[in-house]
Amino acid sequence: MTDMTGHNSDAAVGGIAADRLRSIIERVERLEEERKALQGDIKDIFSEAKSAGFDVKVIKQIIRIRKQEPAEVEEQETLLDIYRRALGM
């Protein structure tokens, strides 16, 4: 019979490597904190843009467009133009 009272860094509880699980959870928690800080930084930049007279909605739209592939952007712009003409805009 083995003594389970000693500390073992690779101890498995219920078939789960507890230290590995703890490490994964702590890494995710750290990244979530970093993401929260980054979101605050982004919000500050948008506030700066707004106070400089820029339209934040348009800036966000441009950011979304820049993430897309050029062919996808071209297709959307073509459809937008077709739809506008169909509506007499």
C-alpha atoms as a PDB file:
ATOM      1  CA  MET A   1       0.000   0.000   0.000  1.00  0.00           C
ATOM      2  CA  THR A   2       1.368   3.446  -0.908  1.00  0.00           C
ATOM      3  CA  ASP A   3       1.356   6.405   1.418  1.00  0.00           C
ATOM      4  CA  MET A   4      -0.855   9.142  -0.098  1.00  0.00           C
ATOM      5  CA  THR A   5      -0.051  11.709   2.611  1.00  0.00           C
ATOM      6  CA  GLY A   6       3.267  12.853   1.097  1.00  0.00           C
ATOM      7  CA  HIS A   7       3.397  15.695  -1.432  1.00  0.00           C
ATOM      8  CA  ASN A   8       3.757  14.554  -5.004  1.00  0.00           C
ATOM      9  CA  SER A   9       3.845  17.242  -7.694  1.00  0.00           C
ATOM     10  CA  ASP A  10       2.381  14.795 -10.227  1.00  0.00           C
ATOM     11  CA  ALA A  11      -0.321  13.575  -7.865  1.00  0.00           C
ATOM     12  CA  ALA A  12      -3.415  12.343  -9.623  1.00  0.00           C
ATOM     13  CA  VAL A  13      -6.771  12.808  -7.959  1.00  0.00           C
ATOM     14  CA  GLY A  14      -9.564  10.774  -9.445  1.00  0.00           C
ATOM     15  CA  GLY A  15      -7.354  10.057 -12.453  1.00  0.00           C
ATOM     16  CA  ILE A  16      -6.674  13.784 -13.019  1.00  0.00           C
ATOM     17  CA  ALA A  17      -3.171  15.281 -12.844  1.00  0.00           C
ATOM     18  CA  ALA A  18      -3.983  18.000 -10.312  1.00  0.00           C
ATOM     19  CA  ASP A  19      -0.849  20.103 -10.879  1.00  0.00           C
ATOM     20  CA  ARG A  20      -1.367  20.103 -14.641  1.00  0.00           C
ATOM     21  CA  LEU A  21      -5.020  21.098 -14.204  1.00  0.00           C
ATOM     22  CA  ARG A  22      -4.060  23.889 -11.782  1.00  0.00           C
ATOM     23  CA  SER A  23      -1.431  25.147 -14.236  1.00  0.00           C
ATOM     24  CA  ILE A  24      -3.926  25.266 -17.101  1.00  0.00           C
ATOM     25  CA  ILE A  25      -6.516  27.102 -15.022  1.00  0.00           C
ATOM     26  CA  GLU A  26      -3.975  29.634 -13.715  1.00  0.00           C
ATOM     27  CA  ARG A  27      -2.669  30.314 -17.239  1.00  0.00           C
ATOM     28  CA  VAL A  28      -6.209  30.978 -18.490  1.00  0.00           C
ATOM     29  CA  GLU A  29      -6.879  33.245 -15.514  1.00  0.00           C
ATOM     30  CA  ARG A  30      -3.719  35.271 -16.232  1.00  0.00           C
ATOM     31  CA  LEU A  31      -4.672  35.636 -19.890  1.00  0.00           C
ATOM     32  CA  GLU A  32      -8.190  36.745 -18.927  1.00  0.00           C
ATOM     33  CA  GLU A  33      -6.673  39.448 -16.706  1.00  0.00           C
ATOM     34  CA  GLU A  34      -4.418  40.556 -19.574  1.00  0.00           C
ATOM     35  CA  ARG A  35      -7.407  40.616 -21.928  1.00  0.00           C
ATOM     36  CA  LYS A  36      -9.338  42.754 -19.441  1.00  0.00           C
ATOM     37  CA  ALA A  37      -6.443  45.222 -19.271  1.00  0.00           C
ATOM     38  CA  LEU A  38      -6.151  45.289 -23.070  1.00  0.00           C
ATOM     39  CA  GLN A  39      -9.886  45.913 -23.440  1.00  0.00           C
ATOM     40  CA  GLY A  40      -9.494  48.885 -21.119  1.00  0.00           C
ATOM     41  CA  ASP A  41      -6.615  50.179 -23.245  1.00  0.00           C
ATOM     42  CA  ILE A  42      -8.698  49.804 -26.422  1.00  0.00           C
ATOM     43  CA  LYS A  43     -11.593  51.661 -24.791  1.00  0.00           C
ATOM     44  CA  ASP A  44      -9.202  54.489 -23.897  1.00  0.00           C
ATOM     45  CA  ILE A  45      -7.993  54.682 -27.521  1.00  0.00           C
ATOM     46  CA  PHE A  46     -11.575  54.893 -28.782  1.00  0.00           C
ATOM     47  CA  SER A  47     -12.249  57.686 -26.266  1.00  0.00           C
ATOM     48  CA  GLU A  48      -9.168  59.487 -27.556  1.00  0.00           C
ATOM     49  CA  ALA A  49     -10.383  59.064 -31.145  1.00  0.00           C
ATOM     50  CA  LYS A  50     -13.834  60.395 -30.243  1.00  0.00           C
ATOM     51  CA  SER A  51     -12.399  63.423 -28.460  1.00  0.00           C
ATOM     52  CA  ALA A  52     -10.254  64.100 -31.564  1.00  0.00           C
ATOM     53  CA  GLY A  53     -13.454  64.247 -33.632  1.00  0.00           C
ATOM     54  CA  PHE A  54     -13.311  60.801 -35.247  1.00  0.00           C
ATOM     55  CA  ASP A  55     -16.422  58.632 -35.641  1.00  0.00           C
ATOM     56  CA  VAL A  56     -15.772  55.544 -33.501  1.00  0.00           C
ATOM     57  CA  LYS A  57     -18.400  53.436 -35.309  1.00  0.00           C
ATOM     58  CA  VAL A  58     -16.628  54.038 -38.606  1.00  0.00           C
ATOM     59  CA  ILE A  59     -13.236  53.241 -37.075  1.00  0.00           C
ATOM     60  CA  LYS A  60     -14.609  49.927 -35.737  1.00  0.00           C
ATOM     61  CA  GLN A  61     -16.050  49.163 -39.177  1.00  0.00           C
ATOM     62  CA  ILE A  62     -12.678  49.828 -40.810  1.00  0.00           C
ATOM     63  CA  ILE A  63     -10.971  47.545 -38.291  1.00  0.00           C
ATOM     64  CA  ARG A  64     -13.456  44.752 -39.129  1.00  0.00           C
ATOM     65  CA  ILE A  65     -12.851  45.265 -42.846  1.00  0.00           C
ATOM     66  CA  ARG A  66      -9.063  45.173 -42.445  1.00  0.00           C
ATOM     67  CA  LYS A  67      -9.343  41.741 -40.778  1.00  0.00           C
ATOM     68  CA  GLN A  68     -11.062  40.296 -43.865  1.00  0.00           C
ATOM     69  CA  GLU A  69      -9.516  38.915 -47.005  1.00  0.00           C
ATOM     70  CA  PRO A  70      -9.453  41.412 -49.918  1.00  0.00           C
ATOM     71  CA  ALA A  71     -11.688  39.197 -52.086  1.00  0.00           C
ATOM     72  CA  GLU A  72     -14.263  38.996 -49.303  1.00  0.00           C
ATOM     73  CA  VAL A  73     -14.238  42.782 -48.895  1.00  0.00           C
ATOM     74  CA  GLU A  74     -14.650  43.269 -52.643  1.00  0.00           C
ATOM     75  CA  GLU A  75     -17.583  40.838 -52.733  1.00  0.00           C
ATOM     76  CA  GLN A  76     -19.324  42.627 -49.855  1.00  0.00           C
ATOM     77  CA  GLU A  77     -18.787  46.033 -51.438  1.00  0.00           C
ATOM     78  CA  THR A  78     -20.186  44.754 -54.748  1.00  0.00           C
ATOM     79  CA  LEU A  79     -23.279  43.342 -53.032  1.00  0.00           C
ATOM     80  CA  LEU A  80     -23.733  46.527 -51.029  1.00  0.00           C
ATOM     81  CA  ASP A  81     -23.619  48.547 -54.256  1.00  0.00           C
ATOM     82  CA  ILE A  82     -26.127  46.210 -55.958  1.00  0.00           C
ATOM     83  CA  TYR A  83     -28.496  46.332 -52.980  1.00  0.00           C
ATOM     84  CA  ARG A  84     -28.270  50.136 -52.789  1.00  0.00           C
ATOM     85  CA  ARG A  85     -29.072  50.487 -56.489  1.00  0.00           C
ATOM     86  CA  ALA A  86     -31.967  48.031 -56.121  1.00  0.00           C
ATOM     87  CA  LEU A  87     -33.371  50.275 -53.371  1.00  0.00           C
ATOM     88  CA  GLY A  88     -32.750  53.468 -55.362  1.00  0.00           C
ATOM     89  CA  MET A  89     -30.131  54.756 -52.960  1.00  0.00           C
END
